[in-house]
Amino acid sequence: MAAPAPPADLRALTALRFIAAMWVALFAFWPNLDVAVFPNLVAKGYLGVELFFVLSGFILCHVYLEPHGEKRFSYRGFLWARIARVYPLHVATLLGVGALAVAALAAGMSVDGNILSWASLPANLTMMHAWGLAPEAGWNHPSWSISAEWFAYLGFPAFAVVAWSLRHRPILAVFGAVVFLAALYAAFEPLAGFPLTQATIAWGALRIVPCFALGCALYLLFRRSPLKTPWLAAFAAVLLIAISATLTLPDAVTVTLFGLLILSLASLANDKAGWLASRPAVYLGEISYSVYMVVVPWKLLAVNVAARLTDAGPDKSLPVLVWLAVMAGLPVVAALSYHLVEYPARRALRRMGEGANLGSKKRQTAQPAI
C-alpha cells in the first residue's frame, strides 16, 4: 500500500519557526543582560537564520514542487504570493526603525550611525540589500535575510528543476546538498575572511543558497518516506544541535543537524505532535516572522527606555528581571505587528493578485519559514 499523503499544514514545523526566531532574538538581546557570561549556545543564535533558510526550501517544495514538475506552476502567482508574505512588514519595520532612530536622537539617546543610511535605502526598498548593493547595514538590519529569501524566491524554478529531476533519488539529493554546503562553507571563509554563516549585506544572497538547497533535498526524502520514529529522531537532533553549538563545532555540522530536526518534525502527524501542534504553539509560529522583524525596533525602544530608567550606563546592561521583561515584551509587540500590519496587508495583496489573475492552483499549507 502507498503511504498516506502528508498533511498540507505541517504544524510542528510552524511551531519550530517561533523557536528559531527566539534563538535569533536571544542572540541579539543577550549583550544587554548584566551577566559576565555569553554561553556558546546563545552565541550561535545567528544560526537561527540558517534554520529559517532550510525550512523555507523544505516548505516551498512541499507547496510548489509538484505543481512545478507537472507544469501547473504560475511563476507570477508564486512571486506575488511571496511579495504579499514578506514585503508589507519589511517596509513597515524599515519605516518604524527610521522613526525610532530619529526620536531617539531627538531625545538625546545614542543610536548606531548606520541605521539612517540614506545611501542604503534604495536597496532596502527593493529587497536587494543582501546582494552586495547596499553600502552599509542600515535601517532594519535583520531584513537582510528577507533580501536573501527574495533572491531564493526569484531562483526557485532552478531549485525546483534540480529537485524534480532527483525526486526518485532523494538520498543522493540530500548527500549532494550536504557536500555542497560543507564545501561552500570551507571555501568561502579563506576567501572572504569570515564564515558564510555570518554574512549579511555583502554575501547574504549566497548564504541562503546551500541551506535552501538542503531544504529542497530533505523534502524529497520526506516525500518518499517520513521517518518511522520521529519523536526519537527529533530528540536526538535537538541534543546533537545543542552539543554542536556548545562545543562550537563547525557551523556546517550544526546546519546539517537542522535538516534532521526538520525531517523529524515534518514526519510527526498533526494528531501525534502533541504541544507542537497545539493552537498556542502554531499561533506563535504564525507570528514568528513578526518576531524576527521587530527585534531591532523593539530593542531600540525597550532597551533605551529600560537603560534610562535603571541608570544602566552607556553599555545598557540591564538587571535580569528588567531584561526578562524586555524579552517577554517581544512576542507581544510581534503579535500586534502581525494583526495590525502583516496579516491584513498580506490578505489585501493576495486579493489584489486574485483580481489581477495572478493566483496559482496549489494546496494550502503553512507559510514558508520567513
Protein backbone atom coordinates (compact mmCIF):
# COMPACT_ATOMS: atom_id res chain seq x y z
CA MET A 1 0.00 0.00 0.00
CA ALA A 2 1.15 3.53 -0.72
CA ALA A 3 1.91 5.68 2.29
CA PRO A 4 -0.78 8.25 3.08
CA ALA A 5 -0.14 11.74 1.79
CA PRO A 6 1.35 14.09 4.39
CA PRO A 7 -0.90 16.84 5.71
CA ALA A 8 -0.84 20.13 3.86
CA ASP A 9 -0.14 22.01 7.10
CA LEU A 10 2.90 20.65 8.91
CA ARG A 11 2.09 22.15 12.30
CA ALA A 12 5.23 21.06 14.11
CA LEU A 13 7.31 22.96 11.56
CA THR A 14 5.17 26.04 12.07
CA ALA A 15 5.93 25.89 15.80
CA LEU A 16 9.64 25.43 15.04
CA ARG A 17 9.68 28.81 13.33
CA PHE A 18 8.99 30.57 16.63
CA ILE A 19 11.83 28.71 18.32
CA ALA A 20 14.19 29.76 15.52
CA ALA A 21 13.07 33.40 15.80
CA MET A 22 13.54 33.47 19.57
CA TRP A 23 17.01 31.94 19.23
CA VAL A 24 17.96 34.86 16.99
CA ALA A 25 16.33 37.29 19.43
CA LEU A 26 18.21 35.79 22.37
CA PHE A 27 21.46 36.26 20.46
CA ALA A 28 20.55 39.90 19.72
CA PHE A 29 19.44 40.86 23.25
CA TRP A 30 21.96 38.90 25.34
CA PRO A 31 24.65 41.65 25.26
CA ASN A 32 22.18 43.85 27.15
CA LEU A 33 21.90 41.38 30.03
CA ASP A 34 24.05 42.30 33.01
CA VAL A 35 25.91 38.99 33.30
CA ALA A 36 29.53 38.08 32.70
CA VAL A 37 28.95 35.00 30.55
CA PHE A 38 27.89 34.56 26.93
CA PRO A 39 27.00 30.85 26.56
CA ASN A 40 28.13 29.27 23.31
CA LEU A 41 24.59 28.04 22.64
CA VAL A 42 23.37 31.65 22.76
CA ALA A 43 26.38 32.93 20.80
CA LYS A 44 25.42 30.58 17.97
CA GLY A 45 21.98 32.17 17.78
CA TYR A 46 22.82 33.72 14.42
CA LEU A 47 22.35 30.20 13.03
CA GLY A 48 18.63 30.59 13.67
CA VAL A 49 18.63 32.30 10.28
CA GLU A 50 20.08 29.14 8.70
CA LEU A 51 17.27 27.17 10.30
CA PHE A 52 14.78 29.55 8.68
CA PHE A 53 16.51 29.14 5.31
CA VAL A 54 16.45 25.33 5.40
CA LEU A 55 12.80 25.44 6.48
CA SER A 56 12.00 27.78 3.62
CA GLY A 57 13.39 25.43 0.99
CA PHE A 58 11.55 22.48 2.56
CA ILE A 59 8.17 24.23 2.81
CA LEU A 60 8.31 25.84 -0.63
CA CYS A 61 8.96 22.44 -2.15
CA HIS A 62 6.14 21.00 -0.06
CA VAL A 63 3.78 23.54 -1.61
CA TYR A 64 5.13 24.14 -5.10
CA LEU A 65 7.44 21.34 -6.26
CA GLU A 66 4.78 19.02 -7.61
CA PRO A 67 2.86 21.79 -9.43
CA HIS A 68 6.16 22.97 -10.92
CA GLY A 69 7.14 19.48 -12.04
CA GLU A 70 3.67 18.87 -13.53
CA LYS A 71 3.62 22.25 -15.34
CA ARG A 72 0.86 23.65 -13.13
CA PHE A 73 3.08 26.33 -11.61
CA SER A 74 2.49 30.07 -12.08
CA TYR A 75 5.75 31.94 -11.54
CA ARG A 76 3.94 35.28 -11.45
CA GLY A 77 1.48 33.95 -8.90
CA PHE A 78 4.29 32.48 -6.85
CA LEU A 79 6.24 35.74 -6.74
CA TRP A 80 3.16 37.77 -5.92
CA ALA A 81 2.35 35.44 -3.03
CA ARG A 82 5.91 35.83 -1.74
CA ILE A 83 5.73 39.64 -2.01
CA ALA A 84 2.43 39.59 -0.13
CA ARG A 85 4.06 37.45 2.52
CA VAL A 86 7.20 39.47 3.25
CA TYR A 87 7.08 42.96 1.76
CA PRO A 88 4.48 44.87 3.81
CA LEU A 89 6.08 44.09 7.17
CA HIS A 90 9.53 44.69 5.71
CA VAL A 91 8.57 48.23 4.70
CA ALA A 92 6.65 48.85 7.93
CA THR A 93 9.60 47.86 10.13
CA LEU A 94 12.03 49.83 7.97
CA LEU A 95 9.93 52.96 8.48
CA GLY A 96 9.47 52.11 12.16
CA VAL A 97 13.20 51.81 12.76
CA GLY A 98 13.77 55.11 10.98
CA ALA A 99 11.13 56.86 13.10
CA LEU A 100 12.50 55.38 16.34
CA ALA A 101 16.05 56.37 15.43
CA VAL A 102 15.01 59.96 14.77
CA ALA A 103 13.03 60.05 18.03
CA ALA A 104 15.94 58.57 19.98
CA LEU A 105 18.36 61.13 18.59
CA ALA A 106 15.91 63.93 19.42
CA ALA A 107 15.73 62.62 23.00
CA GLY A 108 19.49 62.59 23.33
CA MET A 109 19.87 58.81 23.16
CA SER A 110 22.70 57.07 21.33
CA VAL A 111 21.87 55.39 18.03
CA ASP A 112 24.07 53.44 15.64
CA GLY A 113 25.08 55.93 12.97
CA ASN A 114 24.45 53.45 10.15
CA ILE A 115 20.75 52.97 10.95
CA LEU A 116 19.67 56.07 9.00
CA SER A 117 21.74 55.17 5.95
CA TRP A 118 20.11 57.02 3.05
CA ALA A 119 22.57 55.51 0.58
CA SER A 120 21.31 52.05 1.54
CA LEU A 121 17.62 52.95 1.32
CA PRO A 122 17.02 52.10 -2.38
CA ALA A 123 18.49 48.61 -1.99
CA ASN A 124 16.44 48.08 1.16
CA LEU A 125 13.20 49.14 -0.54
CA THR A 126 13.82 46.78 -3.47
CA MET A 127 14.86 43.90 -1.15
CA MET A 128 18.29 43.71 -2.76
CA HIS A 129 20.37 44.87 0.21
CA ALA A 130 21.84 41.38 0.77
CA TRP A 131 23.09 41.25 -2.83
CA GLY A 132 26.12 43.46 -2.23
CA LEU A 133 24.17 46.55 -3.39
CA ALA A 134 23.90 48.32 -0.02
CA PRO A 135 26.98 50.26 1.13
CA GLU A 136 26.04 49.97 4.81
CA ALA A 137 23.98 47.71 7.08
CA GLY A 138 21.31 50.35 7.66
CA TRP A 139 17.68 50.54 8.70
CA ASN A 140 16.19 47.27 9.97
CA HIS A 141 19.34 45.20 9.65
CA PRO A 142 17.77 41.72 10.17
CA SER A 143 15.81 42.30 6.97
CA TRP A 144 18.96 41.36 5.04
CA SER A 145 17.63 37.79 5.36
CA ILE A 146 14.39 38.84 3.64
CA SER A 147 16.54 40.10 0.78
CA ALA A 148 18.27 36.70 0.73
CA GLU A 149 14.87 34.98 0.72
CA TRP A 150 13.79 37.17 -2.21
CA PHE A 151 16.89 36.02 -4.08
CA ALA A 152 15.89 32.39 -3.44
CA TYR A 153 12.28 33.07 -4.46
CA LEU A 154 13.42 34.51 -7.78
CA GLY A 155 15.61 31.46 -8.33
CA PHE A 156 13.08 28.91 -7.09
CA PRO A 157 12.40 27.45 -10.58
CA ALA A 158 16.09 26.49 -10.83
CA PHE A 159 15.98 24.76 -7.43
CA ALA A 160 12.73 23.05 -8.43
CA VAL A 161 14.13 21.74 -11.72
CA VAL A 162 17.05 20.11 -9.93
CA ALA A 163 14.86 18.75 -7.13
CA TRP A 164 12.28 17.33 -9.53
CA SER A 165 14.98 15.61 -11.57
CA LEU A 166 16.20 13.92 -8.36
CA ARG A 167 12.78 13.10 -6.91
CA HIS A 168 13.39 9.35 -7.31
CA ARG A 169 16.87 9.62 -5.77
CA PRO A 170 16.32 11.57 -2.56
CA ILE A 171 19.31 10.10 -0.69
CA LEU A 172 21.61 11.24 -3.48
CA ALA A 173 19.96 14.67 -3.37
CA VAL A 174 20.49 15.03 0.38
CA PHE A 175 24.08 13.76 0.17
CA GLY A 176 24.83 16.19 -2.66
CA ALA A 177 23.26 19.10 -0.76
CA VAL A 178 25.28 18.36 2.39
CA VAL A 179 28.53 18.05 0.42
CA PHE A 180 27.75 21.30 -1.42
CA LEU A 181 27.03 23.10 1.86
CA ALA A 182 30.19 21.85 3.56
CA ALA A 183 32.38 22.61 0.53
CA LEU A 184 30.97 26.12 0.11
CA TYR A 185 31.46 26.91 3.80
CA ALA A 186 35.04 25.59 3.68
CA ALA A 187 35.91 27.55 0.53
CA PHE A 188 34.20 30.82 1.46
CA GLU A 189 35.91 31.64 4.75
CA PRO A 190 39.53 31.69 3.49
CA LEU A 191 38.48 33.86 0.55
CA ALA A 192 36.23 36.31 2.41
CA GLY A 193 37.94 36.31 5.79
CA PHE A 194 34.77 35.42 7.71
CA PRO A 195 32.32 32.50 7.74
CA LEU A 196 29.47 32.47 5.24
CA THR A 197 27.09 31.93 8.18
CA GLN A 198 27.98 35.45 9.37
CA ALA A 199 27.45 37.14 6.01
CA THR A 200 24.68 39.74 5.83
CA ILE A 201 24.54 42.59 3.32
CA ALA A 202 27.65 41.61 1.37
CA TRP A 203 27.06 37.90 0.78
CA GLY A 204 23.64 37.25 2.29
CA ALA A 205 22.19 36.18 -1.06
CA LEU A 206 24.82 33.45 -1.28
CA ARG A 207 24.31 32.48 2.36
CA ILE A 208 20.80 31.19 1.68
CA VAL A 209 21.70 29.04 -1.34
CA PRO A 210 23.17 25.92 0.36
CA CYS A 211 20.53 25.98 3.11
CA PHE A 212 17.67 26.37 0.66
CA ALA A 213 19.08 23.54 -1.47
CA LEU A 214 19.34 21.33 1.62
CA GLY A 215 15.70 22.06 2.47
CA CYS A 216 14.62 21.11 -1.05
CA ALA A 217 16.60 17.87 -0.89
CA LEU A 218 15.19 16.98 2.52
CA TYR A 219 11.69 17.41 1.18
CA LEU A 220 12.41 14.74 -1.44
CA LEU A 221 13.38 12.34 1.34
CA PHE A 222 10.26 13.24 3.32
CA ARG A 223 8.13 12.91 0.19
CA ARG A 224 9.35 9.37 -0.34
CA SER A 225 9.03 8.18 3.24
CA PRO A 226 8.58 10.13 6.51
CA LEU A 227 10.66 8.92 9.44
CA LYS A 228 9.21 5.98 11.39
CA THR A 229 10.28 7.22 14.85
CA PRO A 230 10.04 11.00 14.52
CA TRP A 231 9.95 11.85 18.23
CA LEU A 232 13.13 9.89 18.90
CA ALA A 233 14.82 11.44 15.88
CA ALA A 234 13.71 14.93 16.92
CA PHE A 235 15.04 14.43 20.46
CA ALA A 236 18.36 13.21 19.07
CA ALA A 237 18.52 16.17 16.67
CA VAL A 238 17.88 18.73 19.43
CA LEU A 239 20.50 17.11 21.67
CA LEU A 240 23.09 16.98 18.88
CA ILE A 241 22.39 20.59 17.85
CA ALA A 242 22.87 21.73 21.46
CA ILE A 243 26.13 19.78 21.73
CA SER A 244 27.40 21.05 18.38
CA ALA A 245 26.65 24.68 19.26
CA THR A 246 28.03 24.40 22.79
CA LEU A 247 31.26 22.81 21.58
CA THR A 248 31.43 25.39 18.75
CA LEU A 249 31.78 22.70 16.11
CA PRO A 250 31.90 23.94 12.51
CA ASP A 251 28.64 25.61 11.52
CA ALA A 252 28.24 23.12 8.68
CA VAL A 253 27.72 20.40 11.30
CA THR A 254 25.01 22.34 13.13
CA VAL A 255 23.22 23.35 9.91
CA THR A 256 23.23 19.73 8.70
CA LEU A 257 21.68 18.71 12.02
CA PHE A 258 18.92 21.26 11.39
CA GLY A 259 18.00 19.04 8.48
CA LEU A 260 17.50 16.05 10.76
CA LEU A 261 15.33 18.15 13.07
CA ILE A 262 13.16 19.45 10.23
CA LEU A 263 12.76 15.99 8.73
CA SER A 264 11.82 14.61 12.14
CA LEU A 265 9.21 17.26 12.92
CA ALA A 266 7.75 17.08 9.42
CA SER A 267 7.28 13.34 9.94
CA LEU A 268 5.11 13.94 13.01
CA ALA A 269 1.43 13.52 12.19
CA ASN A 270 -0.52 16.52 13.44
CA ASP A 271 -2.61 14.36 15.76
CA LYS A 272 0.58 12.92 17.28
CA ALA A 273 2.65 16.08 17.51
CA GLY A 274 1.40 16.97 20.98
CA TRP A 275 2.12 20.51 22.13
CA LEU A 276 3.90 21.29 18.85
CA ALA A 277 0.54 21.06 17.09
CA SER A 278 -1.38 22.93 19.80
CA ARG A 279 -3.12 26.18 18.96
CA PRO A 280 -0.74 28.32 21.08
CA ALA A 281 2.36 26.76 19.51
CA VAL A 282 1.01 27.14 15.98
CA TYR A 283 -0.03 30.72 16.68
CA LEU A 284 3.46 31.57 17.93
CA GLY A 285 4.83 30.03 14.75
CA GLU A 286 2.48 32.15 12.67
CA ILE A 287 3.77 35.36 14.28
CA SER A 288 7.41 34.26 14.06
CA TYR A 289 8.13 36.45 11.03
CA SER A 290 6.91 39.44 13.01
CA VAL A 291 9.01 38.32 16.00
CA TYR A 292 12.10 38.30 13.82
CA MET A 293 11.35 41.59 12.08
CA VAL A 294 10.58 43.62 15.21
CA VAL A 295 13.74 42.61 17.09
CA VAL A 296 15.61 45.79 16.14
CA PRO A 297 12.77 48.32 16.58
CA TRP A 298 11.80 46.74 19.90
CA LYS A 299 15.42 46.71 21.01
CA LEU A 300 15.83 50.36 20.05
CA LEU A 301 12.78 51.33 22.05
CA ALA A 302 12.73 48.97 25.03
CA VAL A 303 16.44 48.74 25.79
CA ASN A 304 16.97 52.50 25.55
CA VAL A 305 13.98 53.23 27.79
CA ALA A 306 14.90 50.48 30.28
CA ALA A 307 18.52 51.65 30.37
CA ARG A 308 17.42 55.18 31.25
CA LEU A 309 15.00 54.01 33.93
CA THR A 310 17.63 51.81 35.57
CA ASP A 311 20.65 54.09 35.05
CA ALA A 312 22.29 51.24 33.18
CA GLY A 313 25.10 53.35 31.78
CA PRO A 314 26.50 53.58 28.25
CA ASP A 315 26.74 49.78 27.81
CA LYS A 316 22.98 49.46 28.54
CA SER A 317 23.45 46.33 30.66
CA LEU A 318 20.09 45.60 32.27
CA PRO A 319 19.28 43.76 35.51
CA VAL A 320 17.99 40.24 34.95
CA LEU A 321 14.35 40.96 35.80
CA VAL A 322 14.26 44.06 33.60
CA TRP A 323 15.91 42.16 30.76
CA LEU A 324 13.38 39.32 31.10
CA ALA A 325 10.56 41.87 30.92
CA VAL A 326 12.04 43.28 27.71
CA MET A 327 12.30 39.78 26.22
CA ALA A 328 8.74 38.93 27.30
CA GLY A 329 7.51 42.05 25.54
CA LEU A 330 8.94 40.93 22.18
CA PRO A 331 6.21 38.36 21.32
CA VAL A 332 3.56 40.84 22.46
CA VAL A 333 4.86 43.53 20.10
CA ALA A 334 5.19 40.90 17.37
CA ALA A 335 1.56 39.86 17.84
CA LEU A 336 0.50 43.49 17.43
CA SER A 337 2.54 43.89 14.24
CA TYR A 338 1.11 40.61 12.93
CA HIS A 339 -2.51 41.61 13.46
CA LEU A 340 -2.14 45.29 12.56
CA VAL A 341 0.25 45.04 9.60
CA GLU A 342 1.44 41.64 8.44
CA TYR A 343 -1.78 39.64 8.23
CA PRO A 344 -4.19 42.31 6.88
CA ALA A 345 -1.64 43.56 4.34
CA ARG A 346 -0.96 40.02 3.15
CA ARG A 347 -4.67 39.34 2.68
CA ALA A 348 -5.18 42.61 0.83
CA LEU A 349 -2.30 41.96 -1.56
CA ARG A 350 -3.46 38.42 -2.22
CA ARG A 351 -6.95 39.68 -3.04
CA MET A 352 -5.34 42.14 -5.44
CA GLY A 353 -3.43 39.27 -7.02
CA GLU A 354 -6.57 37.21 -7.39
CA GLY A 355 -8.31 40.16 -9.01
CA ALA A 356 -5.42 40.51 -11.45
CA ASN A 357 -5.44 36.73 -12.09
CA LEU A 358 -2.02 36.26 -10.54
CA GLY A 359 -3.06 33.29 -8.42
CA SER A 360 -1.96 29.70 -8.99
CA LYS A 361 -3.69 26.48 -8.08
CA LYS A 362 -1.94 24.89 -5.15
CA ARG A 363 -2.81 23.12 -1.96
CA GLN A 364 -2.93 25.27 1.15
CA THR A 365 -0.23 24.81 3.74
CA ALA A 366 1.80 26.58 6.37
CA GLN A 367 3.63 29.67 5.19
CA PRO A 368 7.31 29.43 4.34
CA ALA A 369 9.72 29.96 7.18
CA ILE A 370 10.32 33.63 6.51
